[in-house]
């Protein structure tokens, strides 16, 4: 969810649940986290390899980027869809909360 911040950080608890549901629920997010975890293990293995193979590290980082990008894309789409369903007053309140966060 960090990739959706700061906007997702201003959602209330019910809105956050709806966002997670639109992203495939906890199961869908868990699968993505497992993919990132596997890519992290590849990065670790590449760092420990002797001899060091730069292309192996580049491939592992590329895998990480792919998983993170897919999660971010899914999250952004779900967030836009969620906000599109909000009444104008709630969207304005989100804008106000974002502005307030910038002033802190």
PDB file of N, CA and C in Angstrom:
ATOM      1  N   UNK A   1       0.807  -1.192   0.000  1.00  0.00           N
ATOM      2  CA  UNK A   1       0.000   0.000   0.000  1.00  0.00           C
ATOM      3  C   UNK A   1       0.853   1.261   0.000  1.00  0.00           C
ATOM      4  N   UNK A   2       2.116   1.098   0.361  1.00  0.00           N
ATOM      5  CA  UNK A   2       2.984   2.277   0.380  1.00  0.00           C
ATOM      6  C   UNK A   2       3.065   2.934  -0.988  1.00  0.00           C
ATOM      7  N   UNK A   3       2.944   2.122  -2.039  1.00  0.00           N
ATOM      8  CA  UNK A   3       3.053   2.699  -3.381  1.00  0.00           C
ATOM      9  C   UNK A   3       1.846   3.554  -3.730  1.00  0.00           C
ATOM     10  N   UNK A   4       0.788   3.460  -2.941  1.00  0.00           N
ATOM     11  CA  UNK A   4      -0.416   4.256  -3.184  1.00  0.00           C
ATOM     12  C   UNK A   4      -0.471   5.492  -2.298  1.00  0.00           C
ATOM     13  N   UNK A   5       0.488   5.599  -1.410  1.00  0.00           N
ATOM     14  CA  UNK A   5       0.518   6.739  -0.485  1.00  0.00           C
ATOM     15  C   UNK A   5       0.865   7.996  -1.261  1.00  0.00           C
ATOM     16  N   UNK A   6       0.493   9.141  -0.826  1.00  0.00           N
ATOM     17  CA  UNK A   6      -0.217   9.434   0.413  1.00  0.00           C
ATOM     18  C   UNK A   6      -1.732   9.331   0.287  1.00  0.00           C
ATOM     19  N   UNK A   7      -2.245   9.185  -0.913  1.00  0.00           N
ATOM     20  CA  UNK A   7      -3.699   9.195  -1.104  1.00  0.00           C
ATOM     21  C   UNK A   7      -4.377   8.051  -0.358  1.00  0.00           C
ATOM     22  N   UNK A   8      -3.862   6.848  -0.468  1.00  0.00           N
ATOM     23  CA  UNK A   8      -4.487   5.715   0.219  1.00  0.00           C
ATOM     24  C   UNK A   8      -4.417   5.892   1.729  1.00  0.00           C
ATOM     25  N   UNK A   9      -3.409   6.609   2.201  1.00  0.00           N
ATOM     26  CA  UNK A   9      -3.280   6.855   3.624  1.00  0.00           C
ATOM     27  C   UNK A   9      -4.389   7.722   4.189  1.00  0.00           C
ATOM     28  N   UNK A  10      -5.105   8.406   3.334  1.00  0.00           N
ATOM     29  CA  UNK A  10      -6.202   9.267   3.778  1.00  0.00           C
ATOM     30  C   UNK A  10      -7.550   8.550   3.748  1.00  0.00           C
ATOM     31  N   UNK A  11      -7.573   7.310   3.277  1.00  0.00           N
ATOM     32  CA  UNK A  11      -8.833   6.563   3.241  1.00  0.00           C
ATOM     33  C   UNK A  11      -9.219   6.124   4.639  1.00  0.00           C
ATOM     34  N   UNK A  12     -10.515   6.067   4.888  1.00  0.00           N
ATOM     35  CA  UNK A  12     -10.958   5.541   6.176  1.00  0.00           C
ATOM     36  C   UNK A  12     -10.911   4.010   6.129  1.00  0.00           C
ATOM     37  N   UNK A  13     -11.171   3.386   7.248  1.00  0.00           N
ATOM     38  CA  UNK A  13     -11.034   1.927   7.365  1.00  0.00           C
ATOM     39  C   UNK A  13     -11.918   1.180   6.356  1.00  0.00           C
ATOM     40  N   UNK A  14     -13.166   1.601   6.207  1.00  0.00           N
ATOM     41  CA  UNK A  14     -14.068   0.940   5.258  1.00  0.00           C
ATOM     42  C   UNK A  14     -13.595   1.108   3.819  1.00  0.00           C
ATOM     43  N   UNK A  15     -13.133   2.301   3.500  1.00  0.00           N
ATOM     44  CA  UNK A  15     -12.628   2.549   2.145  1.00  0.00           C
ATOM     45  C   UNK A  15     -11.386   1.701   1.876  1.00  0.00           C
ATOM     46  N   UNK A  16     -10.530   1.561   2.874  1.00  0.00           N
ATOM     47  CA  UNK A  16      -9.326   0.731   2.705  1.00  0.00           C
ATOM     48  C   UNK A  16      -9.717  -0.722   2.466  1.00  0.00           C
ATOM     49  N   UNK A  17     -10.714  -1.202   3.183  1.00  0.00           N
ATOM     50  CA  UNK A  17     -11.193  -2.579   2.949  1.00  0.00           C
ATOM     51  C   UNK A  17     -11.709  -2.738   1.523  1.00  0.00           C
ATOM     52  N   UNK A  18     -12.459  -1.748   1.070  1.00  0.00           N
ATOM     53  CA  UNK A  18     -12.972  -1.813  -0.302  1.00  0.00           C
ATOM     54  C   UNK A  18     -11.826  -1.799  -1.310  1.00  0.00           C
ATOM     55  N   UNK A  19     -10.813  -0.979  -1.052  1.00  0.00           N
ATOM     56  CA  UNK A  19      -9.661  -0.916  -1.946  1.00  0.00           C
ATOM     57  C   UNK A  19      -8.968  -2.272  -2.016  1.00  0.00           C
ATOM     58  N   UNK A  20      -8.737  -2.877  -0.870  1.00  0.00           N
ATOM     59  CA  UNK A  20      -8.085  -4.194  -0.832  1.00  0.00           C
ATOM     60  C   UNK A  20      -8.932  -5.216  -1.583  1.00  0.00           C
ATOM     61  N   UNK A  21     -10.238  -5.144  -1.406  1.00  0.00           N
ATOM     62  CA  UNK A  21     -11.129  -6.057  -2.136  1.00  0.00           C
ATOM     63  C   UNK A  21     -11.026  -5.870  -3.640  1.00  0.00           C
ATOM     64  N   UNK A  22     -10.940  -4.644  -4.073  1.00  0.00           N
ATOM     65  CA  UNK A  22     -10.830  -4.362  -5.507  1.00  0.00           C
ATOM     66  C   UNK A  22      -9.481  -4.798  -6.079  1.00  0.00           C
ATOM     67  N   UNK A  23      -8.514  -4.972  -5.190  1.00  0.00           N
ATOM     68  CA  UNK A  23      -7.183  -5.420  -5.628  1.00  0.00           C
ATOM     69  C   UNK A  23      -7.049  -6.945  -5.546  1.00  0.00           C
ATOM     70  N   UNK A  24      -8.140  -7.638  -5.314  1.00  0.00           N
ATOM     71  CA  UNK A  24      -8.082  -9.093  -5.256  1.00  0.00           C
ATOM     72  C   UNK A  24      -8.071  -9.641  -3.843  1.00  0.00           C
ATOM     73  N   UNK A  25      -8.349  -8.786  -2.890  1.00  0.00           N
ATOM     74  CA  UNK A  25      -8.408  -9.236  -1.507  1.00  0.00           C
ATOM     75  C   UNK A  25      -7.039  -9.568  -0.953  1.00  0.00           C
ATOM     76  N   UNK A  26      -7.052 -10.039   0.261  1.00  0.00           N
ATOM     77  CA  UNK A  26      -5.790 -10.390   0.928  1.00  0.00           C
ATOM     78  C   UNK A  26      -5.076 -11.516   0.188  1.00  0.00           C
ATOM     79  N   UNK A  27      -5.850 -12.419  -0.439  1.00  0.00           N
ATOM     80  CA  UNK A  27      -5.228 -13.522  -1.177  1.00  0.00           C
ATOM     81  C   UNK A  27      -4.431 -13.005  -2.368  1.00  0.00           C
ATOM     82  N   UNK A  28      -5.025 -12.098  -3.116  1.00  0.00           N
ATOM     83  CA  UNK A  28      -4.338 -11.536  -4.268  1.00  0.00           C
ATOM     84  C   UNK A  28      -3.096 -10.755  -3.876  1.00  0.00           C
ATOM     85  N   UNK A  29      -3.216 -10.007  -2.805  1.00  0.00           N
ATOM     86  CA  UNK A  29      -2.062  -9.238  -2.345  1.00  0.00           C
ATOM     87  C   UNK A  29      -0.987 -10.167  -1.776  1.00  0.00           C
ATOM     88  N   UNK A  30      -1.430 -11.267  -1.148  1.00  0.00           N
ATOM     89  CA  UNK A  30      -0.468 -12.232  -0.608  1.00  0.00           C
ATOM     90  C   UNK A  30       0.349 -12.880  -1.712  1.00  0.00           C
ATOM     91  N   UNK A  31      -0.302 -13.192  -2.828  1.00  0.00           N
ATOM     92  CA  UNK A  31       0.418 -13.789  -3.955  1.00  0.00           C
ATOM     93  C   UNK A  31       1.471 -12.827  -4.486  1.00  0.00           C
ATOM     94  N   UNK A  32       1.114 -11.557  -4.560  1.00  0.00           N
ATOM     95  CA  UNK A  32       2.074 -10.559  -5.038  1.00  0.00           C
ATOM     96  C   UNK A  32       3.243 -10.434  -4.059  1.00  0.00           C
ATOM     97  N   UNK A  33       2.940 -10.441  -2.769  1.00  0.00           N
ATOM     98  CA  UNK A  33       4.015 -10.354  -1.767  1.00  0.00           C
ATOM     99  C   UNK A  33       4.934 -11.574  -1.844  1.00  0.00           C
ATOM    100  N   UNK A  34       4.355 -12.739  -2.094  1.00  0.00           N
ATOM    101  CA  UNK A  34       5.194 -13.940  -2.238  1.00  0.00           C
ATOM    102  C   UNK A  34       6.110 -13.816  -3.457  1.00  0.00           C
ATOM    103  N   UNK A  35       5.602 -13.240  -4.538  1.00  0.00           N
ATOM    104  CA  UNK A  35       6.437 -13.014  -5.718  1.00  0.00           C
ATOM    105  C   UNK A  35       7.582 -12.069  -5.418  1.00  0.00           C
ATOM    106  N   UNK A  36       7.279 -11.012  -4.689  1.00  0.00           N
ATOM    107  CA  UNK A  36       8.336 -10.063  -4.295  1.00  0.00           C
ATOM    108  C   UNK A  36       9.336 -10.765  -3.389  1.00  0.00           C
ATOM    109  N   UNK A  37       8.843 -11.585  -2.478  1.00  0.00           N
ATOM    110  CA  UNK A  37       9.733 -12.333  -1.585  1.00  0.00           C
ATOM    111  C   UNK A  37      10.667 -13.244  -2.354  1.00  0.00           C
ATOM    112  N   UNK A  38      10.136 -13.927  -3.360  1.00  0.00           N
ATOM    113  CA  UNK A  38      10.974 -14.799  -4.182  1.00  0.00           C
ATOM    114  C   UNK A  38      12.032 -13.989  -4.927  1.00  0.00           C
ATOM    115  N   UNK A  39      11.638 -12.836  -5.429  1.00  0.00           N
ATOM    116  CA  UNK A  39      12.602 -11.974  -6.121  1.00  0.00           C
ATOM    117  C   UNK A  39      13.656 -11.465  -5.140  1.00  0.00           C
ATOM    118  N   UNK A  40      13.248 -11.184  -3.909  1.00  0.00           N
ATOM    119  CA  UNK A  40      14.218 -10.757  -2.891  1.00  0.00           C
ATOM    120  C   UNK A  40      15.249 -11.850  -2.637  1.00  0.00           C
ATOM    121  N   UNK A  41      14.795 -13.095  -2.617  1.00  0.00           N
ATOM    122  CA  UNK A  41      15.734 -14.214  -2.437  1.00  0.00           C
ATOM    123  C   UNK A  41      16.702 -14.304  -3.603  1.00  0.00           C
ATOM    124  N   UNK A  42      16.223 -14.013  -4.806  1.00  0.00           N
ATOM    125  CA  UNK A  42      17.103 -14.004  -5.975  1.00  0.00           C
ATOM    126  C   UNK A  42      18.151 -12.898  -5.856  1.00  0.00           C
ATOM    127  N   UNK A  43      17.751 -11.747  -5.350  1.00  0.00           N
ATOM    128  CA  UNK A  43      18.699 -10.645  -5.145  1.00  0.00           C
ATOM    129  C   UNK A  43      19.756 -11.089  -4.140  1.00  0.00           C
ATOM    130  N   UNK A  44      19.305 -11.680  -3.041  1.00  0.00           N
ATOM    131  CA  UNK A  44      20.246 -12.146  -2.022  1.00  0.00           C
ATOM    132  C   UNK A  44      21.218 -13.169  -2.597  1.00  0.00           C
ATOM    133  N   UNK A  45      20.705 -14.112  -3.364  1.00  0.00           N
ATOM    134  CA  UNK A  45      21.571 -15.132  -3.963  1.00  0.00           C
ATOM    135  C   UNK A  45      22.575 -14.499  -4.923  1.00  0.00           C
ATOM    136  N   UNK A  46      22.122 -13.530  -5.697  1.00  0.00           N
ATOM    137  CA  UNK A  46      23.023 -12.864  -6.638  1.00  0.00           C
ATOM    138  C   UNK A  46      24.125 -12.112  -5.894  1.00  0.00           C
ATOM    139  N   UNK A  47      23.782 -11.513  -4.776  1.00  0.00           N
ATOM    140  CA  UNK A  47      24.779 -10.776  -3.996  1.00  0.00           C
ATOM    141  C   UNK A  47      25.814 -11.707  -3.374  1.00  0.00           C
ATOM    142  N   UNK A  48      25.393 -12.922  -3.018  1.00  0.00           N
ATOM    143  CA  UNK A  48      26.297 -13.871  -2.364  1.00  0.00           C
ATOM    144  C   UNK A  48      27.117 -14.696  -3.359  1.00  0.00           C
ATOM    145  N   UNK A  49      26.743 -14.672  -4.614  1.00  0.00           N
ATOM    146  CA  UNK A  49      27.389 -15.540  -5.605  1.00  0.00           C
ATOM    147  C   UNK A  49      28.864 -15.193  -5.786  1.00  0.00           C
ATOM    148  N   UNK A  50      29.639 -16.237  -5.909  1.00  0.00           N
ATOM    149  CA  UNK A  50      31.057 -16.085  -6.228  1.00  0.00           C
ATOM    150  C   UNK A  50      31.343 -16.995  -7.411  1.00  0.00           C
ATOM    151  N   UNK A  51      31.729 -16.472  -8.513  1.00  0.00           N
ATOM    152  CA  UNK A  51      31.978 -15.051  -8.753  1.00  0.00           C
ATOM    153  C   UNK A  51      30.653 -14.289  -8.877  1.00  0.00           C
ATOM    154  N   UNK A  52      30.728 -13.009  -8.585  1.00  0.00           N
ATOM    155  CA  UNK A  52      29.569 -12.133  -8.717  1.00  0.00           C
ATOM    156  C   UNK A  52      29.235 -11.994 -10.198  1.00  0.00           C
ATOM    157  N   UNK A  53      27.950 -12.153 -10.514  1.00  0.00           N
ATOM    158  CA  UNK A  53      27.488 -12.045 -11.898  1.00  0.00           C
ATOM    159  C   UNK A  53      26.510 -10.864 -11.964  1.00  0.00           C
ATOM    160  N   UNK A  54      26.989  -9.727 -12.447  1.00  0.00           N
ATOM    161  CA  UNK A  54      26.118  -8.544 -12.477  1.00  0.00           C
ATOM    162  C   UNK A  54      24.785  -8.778 -13.185  1.00  0.00           C
ATOM    163  N   UNK A  55      24.801  -9.567 -14.255  1.00  0.00           N
ATOM    164  CA  UNK A  55      23.555  -9.811 -14.990  1.00  0.00           C
ATOM    165  C   UNK A  55      22.535 -10.566 -14.142  1.00  0.00           C
ATOM    166  N   UNK A  56      22.996 -11.423 -13.252  1.00  0.00           N
ATOM    167  CA  UNK A  56      22.072 -12.152 -12.369  1.00  0.00           C
ATOM    168  C   UNK A  56      21.395 -11.175 -11.405  1.00  0.00           C
ATOM    169  N   UNK A  57      22.145 -10.234 -10.873  1.00  0.00           N
ATOM    170  CA  UNK A  57      21.557  -9.228  -9.994  1.00  0.00           C
ATOM    171  C   UNK A  57      20.592  -8.345 -10.780  1.00  0.00           C
ATOM    172  N   UNK A  58      20.963  -7.970 -11.982  1.00  0.00           N
ATOM    173  CA  UNK A  58      20.077  -7.143 -12.805  1.00  0.00           C
ATOM    174  C   UNK A  58      18.763  -7.875 -13.080  1.00  0.00           C
ATOM    175  N   UNK A  59      18.848  -9.175 -13.367  1.00  0.00           N
ATOM    176  CA  UNK A  59      17.637  -9.962 -13.618  1.00  0.00           C
ATOM    177  C   UNK A  59      16.760 -10.021 -12.368  1.00  0.00           C
ATOM    178  N   UNK A  60      17.375 -10.244 -11.214  1.00  0.00           N
ATOM    179  CA  UNK A  60      16.613 -10.307  -9.962  1.00  0.00           C
ATOM    180  C   UNK A  60      15.944  -8.968  -9.668  1.00  0.00           C
ATOM    181  N   UNK A  61      16.648  -7.886  -9.881  1.00  0.00           N
ATOM    182  CA  UNK A  61      16.068  -6.561  -9.671  1.00  0.00           C
ATOM    183  C   UNK A  61      14.933  -6.295 -10.655  1.00  0.00           C
ATOM    184  N   UNK A  62      15.089  -6.782 -11.861  1.00  0.00           N
ATOM    185  CA  UNK A  62      14.034  -6.644 -12.859  1.00  0.00           C
ATOM    186  C   UNK A  62      12.775  -7.399 -12.425  1.00  0.00           C
ATOM    187  N   UNK A  63      12.964  -8.582 -11.857  1.00  0.00           N
ATOM    188  CA  UNK A  63      11.816  -9.360 -11.359  1.00  0.00           C
ATOM    189  C   UNK A  63      11.110  -8.594 -10.244  1.00  0.00           C
ATOM    190  N   UNK A  64      11.889  -8.048  -9.322  1.00  0.00           N
ATOM    191  CA  UNK A  64      11.311  -7.238  -8.244  1.00  0.00           C
ATOM    192  C   UNK A  64      10.479  -6.099  -8.825  1.00  0.00           C
ATOM    193  N   UNK A  65      11.068  -5.398  -9.769  1.00  0.00           N
ATOM    194  CA  UNK A  65      10.415  -4.246 -10.384  1.00  0.00           C
ATOM    195  C   UNK A  65       9.103  -4.668 -11.058  1.00  0.00           C
ATOM    196  N   UNK A  66       9.124  -5.821 -11.699  1.00  0.00           N
ATOM    197  CA  UNK A  66       7.910  -6.305 -12.354  1.00  0.00           C
ATOM    198  C   UNK A  66       6.785  -6.564 -11.367  1.00  0.00           C
ATOM    199  N   UNK A  67       7.099  -7.234 -10.273  1.00  0.00           N
ATOM    200  CA  UNK A  67       6.077  -7.489  -9.249  1.00  0.00           C
ATOM    201  C   UNK A  67       5.586  -6.190  -8.633  1.00  0.00           C
ATOM    202  N   UNK A  68       6.514  -5.330  -8.271  1.00  0.00           N
ATOM    203  CA  UNK A  68       6.116  -4.066  -7.639  1.00  0.00           C
ATOM    204  C   UNK A  68       5.303  -3.206  -8.615  1.00  0.00           C
ATOM    205  N   UNK A  69       5.698  -3.187  -9.868  1.00  0.00           N
ATOM    206  CA  UNK A  69       4.957  -2.417 -10.866  1.00  0.00           C
ATOM    207  C   UNK A  69       3.550  -2.945 -11.064  1.00  0.00           C
ATOM    208  N   UNK A  70       3.410  -4.265 -11.077  1.00  0.00           N
ATOM    209  CA  UNK A  70       2.086  -4.867 -11.241  1.00  0.00           C
ATOM    210  C   UNK A  70       1.187  -4.533 -10.053  1.00  0.00           C
ATOM    211  N   UNK A  71       1.750  -4.592  -8.855  1.00  0.00           N
ATOM    212  CA  UNK A  71       0.971  -4.254  -7.662  1.00  0.00           C
ATOM    213  C   UNK A  71       0.563  -2.783  -7.712  1.00  0.00           C
ATOM    214  N   UNK A  72       1.506  -1.938  -8.072  1.00  0.00           N
ATOM    215  CA  UNK A  72       1.216  -0.505  -8.122  1.00  0.00           C
ATOM    216  C   UNK A  72       0.145  -0.208  -9.169  1.00  0.00           C
ATOM    217  N   UNK A  73       0.253  -0.819 -10.328  1.00  0.00           N
ATOM    218  CA  UNK A  73      -0.742  -0.598 -11.381  1.00  0.00           C
ATOM    219  C   UNK A  73      -2.125  -1.048 -10.925  1.00  0.00           C
ATOM    220  N   UNK A  74      -2.195  -2.232 -10.336  1.00  0.00           N
ATOM    221  CA  UNK A  74      -3.464  -2.750  -9.827  1.00  0.00           C
ATOM    222  C   UNK A  74      -4.018  -1.828  -8.745  1.00  0.00           C
ATOM    223  N   UNK A  75      -3.155  -1.390  -7.856  1.00  0.00           N
ATOM    224  CA  UNK A  75      -3.580  -0.508  -6.777  1.00  0.00           C
ATOM    225  C   UNK A  75      -4.059   0.833  -7.277  1.00  0.00           C
ATOM    226  N   UNK A  76      -3.347   1.385  -8.232  1.00  0.00           N
ATOM    227  CA  UNK A  76      -3.763   2.682  -8.774  1.00  0.00           C
ATOM    228  C   UNK A  76      -5.118   2.570  -9.464  1.00  0.00           C
ATOM    229  N   UNK A  77      -5.308   1.507 -10.235  1.00  0.00           N
ATOM    230  CA  UNK A  77      -6.593   1.310 -10.921  1.00  0.00           C
ATOM    231  C   UNK A  77      -7.711   1.161  -9.896  1.00  0.00           C
ATOM    232  N   UNK A  78      -7.490   0.335  -8.872  1.00  0.00           N
ATOM    233  CA  UNK A  78      -8.503   0.129  -7.834  1.00  0.00           C
ATOM    234  C   UNK A  78      -8.788   1.422  -7.079  1.00  0.00           C
ATOM    235  N   UNK A  79      -7.747   2.198  -6.813  1.00  0.00           N
ATOM    236  CA  UNK A  79      -7.916   3.461  -6.098  1.00  0.00           C
ATOM    237  C   UNK A  79      -8.731   4.455  -6.931  1.00  0.00           C
ATOM    238  N   UNK A  80      -8.416   4.554  -8.203  1.00  0.00           N
ATOM    239  CA  UNK A  80      -9.170   5.461  -9.077  1.00  0.00           C
ATOM    240  C   UNK A  80     -10.629   5.020  -9.151  1.00  0.00           C
ATOM    241  N   UNK A  81     -10.863   3.721  -9.297  1.00  0.00           N
ATOM    242  CA  UNK A  81     -12.238   3.216  -9.361  1.00  0.00           C
ATOM    243  C   UNK A  81     -12.994   3.499  -8.061  1.00  0.00           C
ATOM    244  N   UNK A  82     -12.318   3.292  -6.933  1.00  0.00           N
ATOM    245  CA  UNK A  82     -12.937   3.558  -5.633  1.00  0.00           C
ATOM    246  C   UNK A  82     -13.299   5.036  -5.506  1.00  0.00           C
ATOM    247  N   UNK A  83     -12.379   5.902  -5.876  1.00  0.00           N
ATOM    248  CA  UNK A  83     -12.621   7.341  -5.766  1.00  0.00           C
ATOM    249  C   UNK A  83     -13.690   7.790  -6.747  1.00  0.00           C
ATOM    250  N   UNK A  84     -13.744   7.169  -7.915  1.00  0.00           N
ATOM    251  CA  UNK A  84     -14.772   7.520  -8.904  1.00  0.00           C
ATOM    252  C   UNK A  84     -16.171   7.241  -8.367  1.00  0.00           C
ATOM    253  N   UNK A  85     -16.282   6.274  -7.468  1.00  0.00           N
ATOM    254  CA  UNK A  85     -17.578   5.935  -6.885  1.00  0.00           C
ATOM    255  C   UNK A  85     -17.937   6.806  -5.674  1.00  0.00           C
ATOM    256  N   UNK A  86     -17.019   7.654  -5.235  1.00  0.00           N
ATOM    257  CA  UNK A  86     -17.273   8.514  -4.067  1.00  0.00           C
ATOM    258  C   UNK A  86     -18.106   9.725  -4.462  1.00  0.00           C
ATOM    259  N   UNK A  87     -18.873  10.215  -3.504  1.00  0.00           N
ATOM    260  CA  UNK A  87     -19.577  11.474  -3.781  1.00  0.00           C
ATOM    261  C   UNK A  87     -18.580  12.628  -3.843  1.00  0.00           C
ATOM    262  N   UNK A  88     -18.939  13.703  -4.524  1.00  0.00           N
ATOM    263  CA  UNK A  88     -18.024  14.838  -4.665  1.00  0.00           C
ATOM    264  C   UNK A  88     -17.520  15.378  -3.327  1.00  0.00           C
ATOM    265  N   UNK A  89     -18.365  15.340  -2.306  1.00  0.00           N
ATOM    266  CA  UNK A  89     -17.964  15.863  -0.996  1.00  0.00           C
ATOM    267  C   UNK A  89     -16.819  15.037  -0.397  1.00  0.00           C
ATOM    268  N   UNK A  90     -16.858  13.727  -0.586  1.00  0.00           N
ATOM    269  CA  UNK A  90     -15.795  12.875  -0.053  1.00  0.00           C
ATOM    270  C   UNK A  90     -14.505  13.100  -0.827  1.00  0.00           C
ATOM    271  N   UNK A  91     -14.602  13.243  -2.154  1.00  0.00           N
ATOM    272  CA  UNK A  91     -13.398  13.531  -2.947  1.00  0.00           C
ATOM    273  C   UNK A  91     -12.779  14.856  -2.504  1.00  0.00           C
ATOM    274  N   UNK A  92     -13.615  15.853  -2.248  1.00  0.00           N
ATOM    275  CA  UNK A  92     -13.107  17.148  -1.784  1.00  0.00           C
ATOM    276  C   UNK A  92     -12.443  16.998  -0.417  1.00  0.00           C
ATOM    277  N   UNK A  93     -13.034  16.173   0.444  1.00  0.00           N
ATOM    278  CA  UNK A  93     -12.440  15.945   1.764  1.00  0.00           C
ATOM    279  C   UNK A  93     -11.074  15.273   1.624  1.00  0.00           C
ATOM    280  N   UNK A  94     -10.943  14.342   0.702  1.00  0.00           N
ATOM    281  CA  UNK A  94      -9.639  13.705   0.453  1.00  0.00           C
ATOM    282  C   UNK A  94      -8.619  14.742   0.005  1.00  0.00           C
ATOM    283  N   UNK A  95      -9.040  15.629  -0.889  1.00  0.00           N
ATOM    284  CA  UNK A  95      -8.139  16.688  -1.358  1.00  0.00           C
ATOM    285  C   UNK A  95      -7.711  17.580  -0.192  1.00  0.00           C
ATOM    286  N   UNK A  96      -8.663  17.898   0.680  1.00  0.00           N
ATOM    287  CA  UNK A  96      -8.340  18.719   1.850  1.00  0.00           C
ATOM    288  C   UNK A  96      -7.343  18.008   2.761  1.00  0.00           C
ATOM    289  N   UNK A  97      -7.545  16.705   2.976  1.00  0.00           N
ATOM    290  CA  UNK A  97      -6.649  15.926   3.838  1.00  0.00           C
ATOM    291  C   UNK A  97      -5.245  15.851   3.242  1.00  0.00           C
ATOM    292  N   UNK A  98      -5.160  15.706   1.925  1.00  0.00           N
ATOM    293  CA  UNK A  98      -3.845  15.704   1.267  1.00  0.00           C
ATOM    294  C   UNK A  98      -3.149  17.050   1.443  1.00  0.00           C
ATOM    295  N   UNK A  99      -3.906  18.121   1.254  1.00  0.00           N
ATOM    296  CA  UNK A  99      -3.330  19.463   1.413  1.00  0.00           C
ATOM    297  C   UNK A  99      -2.848  19.660   2.841  1.00  0.00           C
ATOM    298  N   UNK A 100      -3.619  19.213   3.795  1.00  0.00           N
ATOM    299  CA  UNK A 100      -3.243  19.347   5.205  1.00  0.00           C
ATOM    300  C   UNK A 100      -1.963  18.549   5.482  1.00  0.00           C
ATOM    301  N   UNK A 101      -1.861  17.363   4.897  1.00  0.00           N
ATOM    302  CA  UNK A 101      -0.670  16.539   5.078  1.00  0.00           C
ATOM    303  C   UNK A 101       0.576  17.216   4.519  1.00  0.00           C
ATOM    304  N   UNK A 102       0.456  17.949   3.445  1.00  0.00           N
ATOM    305  CA  UNK A 102       1.609  18.665   2.866  1.00  0.00           C
ATOM    306  C   UNK A 102       2.069  19.795   3.769  1.00  0.00           C
ATOM    307  N   UNK A 103       1.131  20.368   4.499  1.00  0.00           N
ATOM    308  CA  UNK A 103       1.473  21.504   5.365  1.00  0.00           C
ATOM    309  C   UNK A 103       2.175  21.058   6.653  1.00  0.00           C
ATOM    310  N   UNK A 104       2.059  19.783   6.993  1.00  0.00           N
ATOM    311  CA  UNK A 104       2.686  19.290   8.242  1.00  0.00           C
ATOM    312  C   UNK A 104       4.159  19.146   8.109  1.00  0.00           C
TER     313      UNK A 104
END
